[in-house]
């Protein structure tokens, strides 16, 4: 493996995640290029089934403990295995989960088309899932429970590899920085799509988790 590989994560990692890089003698830095801020919301109408677009939506909803007992009675549908785990840890019954919103929408429209849904999401979200629900005349309402705030920052040091975990982080990074020869490791295809017209040096994690992004970095440089 080449010496002095400089890695920049566009979000703060857990200590055990950082340690994986340090154990392999990478030079590791991190900077939060987005901020997640829970948003006040009204829950006047909650339908029979719940859709959670991410862990952030779950964490934001959990800040309203008075709602939880009623929500736990409903079936939950979600995007991401870690979202599923967080829901189940907090007493929710997850009926279906998929790693991508479009795949979840396909299941809902083909099997649960007679049901009604409340879709919890952020202010910046992908259109595939709600658009498919609309196209297939699925009854649903949308409640925005958090905001994604871009936090651009100019990076001055040499970087060999960038870690991206959302399209918003890509957009925030590019507001103040250019990508030239850096290898971009992305958590999934949605994040990679935000980059694909700008660069070609993209590696997508085999599964959309932080740990798999880290593994891709380690394996990539181990081959060199």
C-alpha atoms as a PDB file:
ATOM      1  CA  UNK A   1       0.000   0.000   0.000  1.00  0.00           C
ATOM      2  CA  UNK A   2       1.357   3.482  -0.851  1.00  0.00           C
ATOM      3  CA  UNK A   3       2.626   5.567   2.032  1.00  0.00           C
ATOM      4  CA  UNK A   4       0.780   8.582   3.446  1.00  0.00           C
ATOM      5  CA  UNK A   5      -2.652   8.101   1.941  1.00  0.00           C
ATOM      6  CA  UNK A   6      -4.727  11.121   2.980  1.00  0.00           C
ATOM      7  CA  UNK A   7      -8.388  10.331   3.623  1.00  0.00           C
ATOM      8  CA  UNK A   8     -11.084  12.951   4.198  1.00  0.00           C
ATOM      9  CA  UNK A   9     -14.508  11.944   5.480  1.00  0.00           C
ATOM     10  CA  UNK A  10     -17.257  14.469   4.782  1.00  0.00           C
ATOM     11  CA  UNK A  11     -18.908  13.589   8.068  1.00  0.00           C
ATOM     12  CA  UNK A  12     -17.652  12.799  11.566  1.00  0.00           C
ATOM     13  CA  UNK A  13     -17.190   9.069  12.104  1.00  0.00           C
ATOM     14  CA  UNK A  14     -17.451   7.065  15.296  1.00  0.00           C
ATOM     15  CA  UNK A  15     -14.185   6.400  17.097  1.00  0.00           C
ATOM     16  CA  UNK A  16     -14.195   2.681  16.251  1.00  0.00           C
ATOM     17  CA  UNK A  17     -14.745   3.567  12.582  1.00  0.00           C
ATOM     18  CA  UNK A  18     -11.830   6.032  12.550  1.00  0.00           C
ATOM     19  CA  UNK A  19      -9.652   3.425  14.233  1.00  0.00           C
ATOM     20  CA  UNK A  20      -9.999   1.135  11.224  1.00  0.00           C
ATOM     21  CA  UNK A  21      -8.133   3.745   9.168  1.00  0.00           C
ATOM     22  CA  UNK A  22      -5.577   4.517  11.839  1.00  0.00           C
ATOM     23  CA  UNK A  23      -4.783   0.824  12.305  1.00  0.00           C
ATOM     24  CA  UNK A  24      -3.897   0.673   8.603  1.00  0.00           C
ATOM     25  CA  UNK A  25      -1.669   3.760   8.879  1.00  0.00           C
ATOM     26  CA  UNK A  26      -3.864   6.040   6.778  1.00  0.00           C
ATOM     27  CA  UNK A  27      -3.744   9.784   7.420  1.00  0.00           C
ATOM     28  CA  UNK A  28      -7.333  10.478   8.364  1.00  0.00           C
ATOM     29  CA  UNK A  29      -9.246  13.762   8.620  1.00  0.00           C
ATOM     30  CA  UNK A  30     -12.936  14.539   8.912  1.00  0.00           C
ATOM     31  CA  UNK A  31     -15.242  17.504   8.545  1.00  0.00           C
ATOM     32  CA  UNK A  32     -19.033  17.741   8.722  1.00  0.00           C
ATOM     33  CA  UNK A  33     -20.164  19.188   5.407  1.00  0.00           C
ATOM     34  CA  UNK A  34     -23.839  18.995   6.343  1.00  0.00           C
ATOM     35  CA  UNK A  35     -25.806  19.534   9.544  1.00  0.00           C
ATOM     36  CA  UNK A  36     -29.002  17.680  10.408  1.00  0.00           C
ATOM     37  CA  UNK A  37     -31.458  19.767  12.406  1.00  0.00           C
ATOM     38  CA  UNK A  38     -34.720  18.340  13.727  1.00  0.00           C
ATOM     39  CA  UNK A  39     -37.746  20.363  12.716  1.00  0.00           C
ATOM     40  CA  UNK A  40     -40.954  21.063  14.610  1.00  0.00           C
ATOM     41  CA  UNK A  41     -43.861  19.359  12.906  1.00  0.00           C
ATOM     42  CA  UNK A  42     -47.567  18.805  13.373  1.00  0.00           C
ATOM     43  CA  UNK A  43     -48.959  15.292  13.455  1.00  0.00           C
ATOM     44  CA  UNK A  44     -52.593  16.102  12.770  1.00  0.00           C
ATOM     45  CA  UNK A  45     -53.021  13.248  10.314  1.00  0.00           C
ATOM     46  CA  UNK A  46     -51.070  10.023  10.734  1.00  0.00           C
ATOM     47  CA  UNK A  47     -52.139   7.265   8.364  1.00  0.00           C
ATOM     48  CA  UNK A  48     -52.223   3.522   9.015  1.00  0.00           C
ATOM     49  CA  UNK A  49     -48.686   2.853   7.781  1.00  0.00           C
ATOM     50  CA  UNK A  50     -45.459   4.796   8.285  1.00  0.00           C
ATOM     51  CA  UNK A  51     -42.553   5.330   5.896  1.00  0.00           C
ATOM     52  CA  UNK A  52     -39.179   6.400   7.310  1.00  0.00           C
ATOM     53  CA  UNK A  53     -36.650   7.576   4.730  1.00  0.00           C
ATOM     54  CA  UNK A  54     -33.550   7.379   6.969  1.00  0.00           C
ATOM     55  CA  UNK A  55     -32.172   7.093  10.488  1.00  0.00           C
ATOM     56  CA  UNK A  56     -32.439  10.870  10.701  1.00  0.00           C
ATOM     57  CA  UNK A  57     -36.207  10.700  10.292  1.00  0.00           C
ATOM     58  CA  UNK A  58     -36.473   8.124  13.067  1.00  0.00           C
ATOM     59  CA  UNK A  59     -34.303  10.159  15.434  1.00  0.00           C
ATOM     60  CA  UNK A  60     -36.344  13.290  14.733  1.00  0.00           C
ATOM     61  CA  UNK A  61     -39.675  11.550  15.343  1.00  0.00           C
ATOM     62  CA  UNK A  62     -38.350  10.019  18.579  1.00  0.00           C
ATOM     63  CA  UNK A  63     -37.959  13.543  19.959  1.00  0.00           C
ATOM     64  CA  UNK A  64     -41.759  13.580  20.327  1.00  0.00           C
ATOM     65  CA  UNK A  65     -42.289  10.864  22.969  1.00  0.00           C
ATOM     66  CA  UNK A  66     -45.976  11.688  23.276  1.00  0.00           C
ATOM     67  CA  UNK A  67     -46.482  10.402  19.712  1.00  0.00           C
ATOM     68  CA  UNK A  68     -44.546   7.154  20.057  1.00  0.00           C
ATOM     69  CA  UNK A  69     -47.169   4.866  21.695  1.00  0.00           C
ATOM     70  CA  UNK A  70     -49.644   5.573  18.897  1.00  0.00           C
ATOM     71  CA  UNK A  71     -47.026   5.279  16.151  1.00  0.00           C
ATOM     72  CA  UNK A  72     -45.814   1.932  17.506  1.00  0.00           C
ATOM     73  CA  UNK A  73     -49.238   0.469  16.728  1.00  0.00           C
ATOM     74  CA  UNK A  74     -48.711   1.068  13.014  1.00  0.00           C
ATOM     75  CA  UNK A  75     -46.689  -0.863  10.453  1.00  0.00           C
ATOM     76  CA  UNK A  76     -43.384   0.750   9.511  1.00  0.00           C
ATOM     77  CA  UNK A  77     -41.697   0.722   6.109  1.00  0.00           C
ATOM     78  CA  UNK A  78     -38.183   2.110   5.844  1.00  0.00           C
ATOM     79  CA  UNK A  79     -35.083   2.736   3.774  1.00  0.00           C
ATOM     80  CA  UNK A  80     -31.909   1.130   5.118  1.00  0.00           C
ATOM     81  CA  UNK A  81     -30.994  -1.755   7.392  1.00  0.00           C
ATOM     82  CA  UNK A  82     -29.739   0.591  10.122  1.00  0.00           C
ATOM     83  CA  UNK A  83     -33.021   2.517   9.957  1.00  0.00           C
ATOM     84  CA  UNK A  84     -34.824  -0.778  10.472  1.00  0.00           C
ATOM     85  CA  UNK A  85     -32.623  -1.644  13.452  1.00  0.00           C
ATOM     86  CA  UNK A  86     -33.220   1.765  15.046  1.00  0.00           C
ATOM     87  CA  UNK A  87     -36.978   1.447  14.616  1.00  0.00           C
ATOM     88  CA  UNK A  88     -37.071  -2.041  16.089  1.00  0.00           C
ATOM     89  CA  UNK A  89     -34.870  -0.971  18.979  1.00  0.00           C
ATOM     90  CA  UNK A  90     -37.531   1.623  19.804  1.00  0.00           C
ATOM     91  CA  UNK A  91     -40.479  -0.742  19.664  1.00  0.00           C
ATOM     92  CA  UNK A  92     -41.655  -0.308  16.068  1.00  0.00           C
ATOM     93  CA  UNK A  93     -42.773  -3.176  13.864  1.00  0.00           C
ATOM     94  CA  UNK A  94     -40.965  -2.973  10.516  1.00  0.00           C
ATOM     95  CA  UNK A  95     -42.980  -4.719   7.840  1.00  0.00           C
ATOM     96  CA  UNK A  96     -40.674  -3.994   4.894  1.00  0.00           C
ATOM     97  CA  UNK A  97     -37.259  -2.422   4.454  1.00  0.00           C
ATOM     98  CA  UNK A  98     -35.157  -1.844   1.352  1.00  0.00           C
ATOM     99  CA  UNK A  99     -31.779  -0.214   0.911  1.00  0.00           C
ATOM    100  CA  UNK A 100     -33.086   2.301  -1.637  1.00  0.00           C
ATOM    101  CA  UNK A 101     -36.265   4.366  -1.738  1.00  0.00           C
ATOM    102  CA  UNK A 102     -37.133   3.353  -5.296  1.00  0.00           C
ATOM    103  CA  UNK A 103     -37.012  -0.334  -4.328  1.00  0.00           C
ATOM    104  CA  UNK A 104     -39.225   0.305  -1.314  1.00  0.00           C
ATOM    105  CA  UNK A 105     -41.698   2.187  -3.493  1.00  0.00           C
ATOM    106  CA  UNK A 106     -41.823  -0.767  -5.886  1.00  0.00           C
ATOM    107  CA  UNK A 107     -42.810  -3.113  -3.047  1.00  0.00           C
ATOM    108  CA  UNK A 108     -45.428  -0.691  -1.729  1.00  0.00           C
ATOM    109  CA  UNK A 109     -47.013  -0.073  -5.129  1.00  0.00           C
ATOM    110  CA  UNK A 110     -47.104  -3.749  -6.076  1.00  0.00           C
ATOM    111  CA  UNK A 111     -48.173  -5.348  -2.774  1.00  0.00           C
ATOM    112  CA  UNK A 112     -49.563  -2.625  -0.485  1.00  0.00           C
ATOM    113  CA  UNK A 113     -51.308  -0.393  -3.017  1.00  0.00           C
ATOM    114  CA  UNK A 114     -54.616  -0.457  -1.102  1.00  0.00           C
ATOM    115  CA  UNK A 115     -52.980   0.882   2.077  1.00  0.00           C
ATOM    116  CA  UNK A 116     -52.461   4.490   3.158  1.00  0.00           C
ATOM    117  CA  UNK A 117     -49.185   5.945   4.400  1.00  0.00           C
ATOM    118  CA  UNK A 118     -47.509   8.802   6.238  1.00  0.00           C
ATOM    119  CA  UNK A 119     -44.085   9.532   4.801  1.00  0.00           C
ATOM    120  CA  UNK A 120     -41.557  11.018   7.269  1.00  0.00           C
ATOM    121  CA  UNK A 121     -38.635  12.685   5.486  1.00  0.00           C
ATOM    122  CA  UNK A 122     -36.198  15.606   5.409  1.00  0.00           C
ATOM    123  CA  UNK A 123     -36.494  18.885   3.522  1.00  0.00           C
ATOM    124  CA  UNK A 124     -33.995  17.620   0.932  1.00  0.00           C
ATOM    125  CA  UNK A 125     -35.117  14.230  -0.272  1.00  0.00           C
ATOM    126  CA  UNK A 126     -35.128  12.085  -3.379  1.00  0.00           C
ATOM    127  CA  UNK A 127     -38.251  12.165  -5.533  1.00  0.00           C
ATOM    128  CA  UNK A 128     -38.393   8.526  -6.611  1.00  0.00           C
ATOM    129  CA  UNK A 129     -40.429   7.187  -3.694  1.00  0.00           C
ATOM    130  CA  UNK A 130     -43.139   9.878  -3.452  1.00  0.00           C
ATOM    131  CA  UNK A 131     -43.362  10.155  -7.243  1.00  0.00           C
ATOM    132  CA  UNK A 132     -44.017   6.417  -7.552  1.00  0.00           C
ATOM    133  CA  UNK A 133     -46.679   6.618  -4.861  1.00  0.00           C
ATOM    134  CA  UNK A 134     -48.379   9.476  -6.706  1.00  0.00           C
ATOM    135  CA  UNK A 135     -48.096   7.709 -10.057  1.00  0.00           C
ATOM    136  CA  UNK A 136     -49.789   4.615  -8.620  1.00  0.00           C
ATOM    137  CA  UNK A 137     -52.491   6.574  -6.774  1.00  0.00           C
ATOM    138  CA  UNK A 138     -51.304   5.497  -3.328  1.00  0.00           C
ATOM    139  CA  UNK A 139     -52.891   7.527  -0.548  1.00  0.00           C
ATOM    140  CA  UNK A 140     -50.184   9.230   1.515  1.00  0.00           C
ATOM    141  CA  UNK A 141     -49.203  12.436   3.245  1.00  0.00           C
ATOM    142  CA  UNK A 142     -45.695  13.787   3.737  1.00  0.00           C
ATOM    143  CA  UNK A 143     -44.303  15.228   6.976  1.00  0.00           C
ATOM    144  CA  UNK A 144     -40.903  16.942   6.974  1.00  0.00           C
ATOM    145  CA  UNK A 145     -39.259  16.212  10.328  1.00  0.00           C
ATOM    146  CA  UNK A 146     -35.700  17.495   9.817  1.00  0.00           C
ATOM    147  CA  UNK A 147     -33.665  19.920   7.745  1.00  0.00           C
ATOM    148  CA  UNK A 148     -30.370  19.290   5.982  1.00  0.00           C
ATOM    149  CA  UNK A 149     -28.160  22.378   6.151  1.00  0.00           C
ATOM    150  CA  UNK A 150     -25.120  22.594   3.877  1.00  0.00           C
ATOM    151  CA  UNK A 151     -21.852  23.603   5.591  1.00  0.00           C
ATOM    152  CA  UNK A 152     -19.295  24.272   2.841  1.00  0.00           C
ATOM    153  CA  UNK A 153     -15.647  24.393   3.881  1.00  0.00           C
ATOM    154  CA  UNK A 154     -12.482  25.004   1.882  1.00  0.00           C
ATOM    155  CA  UNK A 155     -10.009  22.129   2.172  1.00  0.00           C
ATOM    156  CA  UNK A 156      -6.413  23.275   1.899  1.00  0.00           C
ATOM    157  CA  UNK A 157      -4.441  20.066   2.444  1.00  0.00           C
ATOM    158  CA  UNK A 158      -3.682  17.392  -0.120  1.00  0.00           C
ATOM    159  CA  UNK A 159      -6.402  14.723  -0.256  1.00  0.00           C
ATOM    160  CA  UNK A 160      -6.127  11.325  -1.955  1.00  0.00           C
ATOM    161  CA  UNK A 161      -9.571   9.936  -1.132  1.00  0.00           C
ATOM    162  CA  UNK A 162     -12.928  11.447  -0.225  1.00  0.00           C
ATOM    163  CA  UNK A 163     -15.724   9.681   1.640  1.00  0.00           C
ATOM    164  CA  UNK A 164     -19.270  10.752   0.762  1.00  0.00           C
ATOM    165  CA  UNK A 165     -22.399   9.575   2.566  1.00  0.00           C
ATOM    166  CA  UNK A 166     -25.139  11.642   0.906  1.00  0.00           C
ATOM    167  CA  UNK A 167     -25.787  13.744  -2.213  1.00  0.00           C
ATOM    168  CA  UNK A 168     -26.095  16.798   0.054  1.00  0.00           C
ATOM    169  CA  UNK A 169     -22.537  16.282   1.311  1.00  0.00           C
ATOM    170  CA  UNK A 170     -21.345  16.083  -2.292  1.00  0.00           C
ATOM    171  CA  UNK A 171     -23.058  19.371  -3.129  1.00  0.00           C
ATOM    172  CA  UNK A 172     -21.722  21.034   0.005  1.00  0.00           C
ATOM    173  CA  UNK A 173     -18.148  19.902  -0.671  1.00  0.00           C
ATOM    174  CA  UNK A 174     -18.263  21.125  -4.264  1.00  0.00           C
ATOM    175  CA  UNK A 175     -19.397  24.600  -3.236  1.00  0.00           C
ATOM    176  CA  UNK A 176     -15.882  25.399  -2.011  1.00  0.00           C
ATOM    177  CA  UNK A 177     -13.714  22.638  -3.508  1.00  0.00           C
ATOM    178  CA  UNK A 178     -12.939  20.965  -6.812  1.00  0.00           C
ATOM    179  CA  UNK A 179     -12.392  17.268  -7.331  1.00  0.00           C
ATOM    180  CA  UNK A 180      -9.520  16.425  -9.656  1.00  0.00           C
ATOM    181  CA  UNK A 181      -7.634  13.177  -9.088  1.00  0.00           C
ATOM    182  CA  UNK A 182      -9.136  12.215  -5.735  1.00  0.00           C
ATOM    183  CA  UNK A 183     -10.841   8.819  -5.468  1.00  0.00           C
ATOM    184  CA  UNK A 184     -14.415   9.266  -4.253  1.00  0.00           C
ATOM    185  CA  UNK A 185     -15.839   6.481  -2.103  1.00  0.00           C
ATOM    186  CA  UNK A 186     -19.635   6.651  -1.925  1.00  0.00           C
ATOM    187  CA  UNK A 187     -22.067   4.937   0.416  1.00  0.00           C
ATOM    188  CA  UNK A 188     -24.476   4.110  -2.414  1.00  0.00           C
ATOM    189  CA  UNK A 189     -25.602   4.765  -5.961  1.00  0.00           C
ATOM    190  CA  UNK A 190     -27.736   7.790  -5.034  1.00  0.00           C
ATOM    191  CA  UNK A 191     -24.680   9.545  -3.619  1.00  0.00           C
ATOM    192  CA  UNK A 192     -22.529   8.418  -6.548  1.00  0.00           C
ATOM    193  CA  UNK A 193     -25.086   9.820  -8.989  1.00  0.00           C
ATOM    194  CA  UNK A 194     -24.478  13.284  -7.533  1.00  0.00           C
ATOM    195  CA  UNK A 195     -20.854  12.926  -8.672  1.00  0.00           C
ATOM    196  CA  UNK A 196     -21.014  10.957 -11.881  1.00  0.00           C
ATOM    197  CA  UNK A 197     -21.248  13.916 -14.271  1.00  0.00           C
ATOM    198  CA  UNK A 198     -18.326  15.610 -12.546  1.00  0.00           C
ATOM    199  CA  UNK A 199     -15.732  12.850 -12.075  1.00  0.00           C
ATOM    200  CA  UNK A 200     -15.024   9.251 -13.010  1.00  0.00           C
ATOM    201  CA  UNK A 201     -12.963   8.135  -9.988  1.00  0.00           C
ATOM    202  CA  UNK A 202     -15.896   6.681  -8.043  1.00  0.00           C
ATOM    203  CA  UNK A 203     -16.042   3.560  -5.869  1.00  0.00           C
ATOM    204  CA  UNK A 204     -19.446   2.532  -4.501  1.00  0.00           C
ATOM    205  CA  UNK A 205     -19.747   0.493  -1.307  1.00  0.00           C
ATOM    206  CA  UNK A 206     -21.055  -3.056  -1.737  1.00  0.00           C
ATOM    207  CA  UNK A 207     -23.655  -2.320   0.964  1.00  0.00           C
ATOM    208  CA  UNK A 208     -24.805   1.186   1.969  1.00  0.00           C
ATOM    209  CA  UNK A 209     -23.190   1.400   5.394  1.00  0.00           C
ATOM    210  CA  UNK A 210     -20.310   3.450   6.757  1.00  0.00           C
ATOM    211  CA  UNK A 211     -18.398   0.263   7.566  1.00  0.00           C
ATOM    212  CA  UNK A 212     -18.612  -0.907   3.970  1.00  0.00           C
ATOM    213  CA  UNK A 213     -17.330   2.435   2.703  1.00  0.00           C
ATOM    214  CA  UNK A 214     -14.339   2.055   5.015  1.00  0.00           C
ATOM    215  CA  UNK A 215     -13.750  -1.514   3.820  1.00  0.00           C
ATOM    216  CA  UNK A 216     -13.811  -0.350   0.191  1.00  0.00           C
ATOM    217  CA  UNK A 217     -11.099   2.218   0.950  1.00  0.00           C
ATOM    218  CA  UNK A 218      -8.895  -0.327   2.711  1.00  0.00           C
ATOM    219  CA  UNK A 219      -9.295  -2.929  -0.036  1.00  0.00           C
ATOM    220  CA  UNK A 220      -8.724  -0.372  -2.793  1.00  0.00           C
ATOM    221  CA  UNK A 221      -5.373   0.785  -1.451  1.00  0.00           C
ATOM    222  CA  UNK A 222      -4.329  -2.700  -0.373  1.00  0.00           C
ATOM    223  CA  UNK A 223      -4.305  -3.678  -4.067  1.00  0.00           C
ATOM    224  CA  UNK A 224      -1.899  -0.890  -5.034  1.00  0.00           C
END
